Amino acid sequence: MLRKRTAGQETAENVTSEPSKNAARHSDERAASESRSQTSCWSTVSLIGKILLLIIFVPPFLNYTSLKREGELLSPKGGQYIDIGLGQSIHMICKGQGQPVVILDAPTGVSSDIWFHVQESVSEMTKVCTYDRVGLGFSRRAMQNETTGMEKVWKMSTTGRMVDDLHRLIKAAGIATPFILVGSELGSLNGRFYSHIHDTQVSDLVLIDPIPEEVFEEGQWQQYWYTQLVPSLQLKQLSAATGLSRLLIILGVMRPAMQGENISEDLLQRQKYLLSNPAHQSSAVDEHFFLNESASQVREISIFKPLSSKTSVSVIRGDTFDEELPAHLNQVVAKLQKKCLEQSYPNADHIHIRGVDRRMIYKNPSLVSKHLLELVSRRQSKRQSQ
């Protein structure tokens, strides 16, 4: 027979079942909470991943597309691209008319814009040409599969290779010889090498803040160059490659070296473009890194083939090589410059410009132009009297 449940039994069963229901409910809530937590965690990770992707890929992409557009818009007016072979095209600007032609070779890792004011001034008297060395500015660098192996002899971004490029450029551009060759820093090494090899083509050699060949044998200078200067340039190259330089320029944190009221807007924008251009920055790093090799090449050629007595030499220097460097480093350069010039060019004409350093080309261009104009005037007078 079925027995009826008593009230006590029902109450006991209800009391027993309540904890079970509460436990199940708490378990479900805990599972839901954990699920929401995991979902929130993955959402955060996903958001951070997307932000990182934007930071890593978007700035370089935007920088690259901007560089493509700016490369066409900012190309200097009056310039021409000259094919010098080996898959290389050099950007050259010539202004003015007459002879002797003056050719200006820029400092280490710098485009020909550095000569803007000097070229404008001297071109009022004669023809003046500037050019971007291969890889710098608007000149195209050869791809590895486009070369003929000459870089294995001289190595890329060394004076020997640059002089070979310059010689082919002068022939391709039809530059009248003999000309006046002006070089600053690395440009002075190139000018010396060129004048020793092609002595009949150079009537006058002008060296501005020349790099002495033995400077890298000094431990203090070598340490500064390869542990401070070159790494800082490599950082600028990385900054340009990642698009960070463009952002820093927009924010006003990074600024071009050439500034001031006498700098045109086009020139200023071009300098910003080059700061953001990883190809230009890469070549600048290479020129600095191999400067020791370039100096060695010049030392060897100076011994092998002394400069012709028909080529005059002028040296323009300021109070210091670089006023931002410690005094002991400037003293190292000054001592070795004096030794080098006394040995190689004892009859050189020395011009000391007070209150300037190696930045005189763009900070005090009139002082440089003054000497070049005098040199041109003497050559023109001599030509007329013959």
Foldseek 3Di string as FASTA:
>chain_A
DDDDDDPVVVVVVVVVVVVVVVVVVVVVVVVVVVVVVVVVVVVVVVVVVVVVCCLQPVLLVVLVVVLVVCLVVLDDPQWDWFDLFLQKTKIKHKAAADDDEEEEAEAFLAAQLLQVVLRVLLNVPHIYMYIGQDLAQNIDHHDPVSGPCVCVVQNPLALVVRLVSVVSVCVRVVNDFQHAYEYEASSLLNQLLNCQVVVRNHQEYEYELYFFLCLCVDPVSVCCLPVPVLVVLVVLLVCLSRNNLVVCVVVVNDAFPFDDPPQDPSSRVSSSSLSNDNSSSVSSSSNSVCHNSNSVVSVVSCVVGAGDPSYAYEYEFEPFQDPVDDPVSRVSRVVSVVVRCCVRPVPHHYHYDYPDHSSCSRPVVVVVSVVVNVVRVVVVVVVVVD
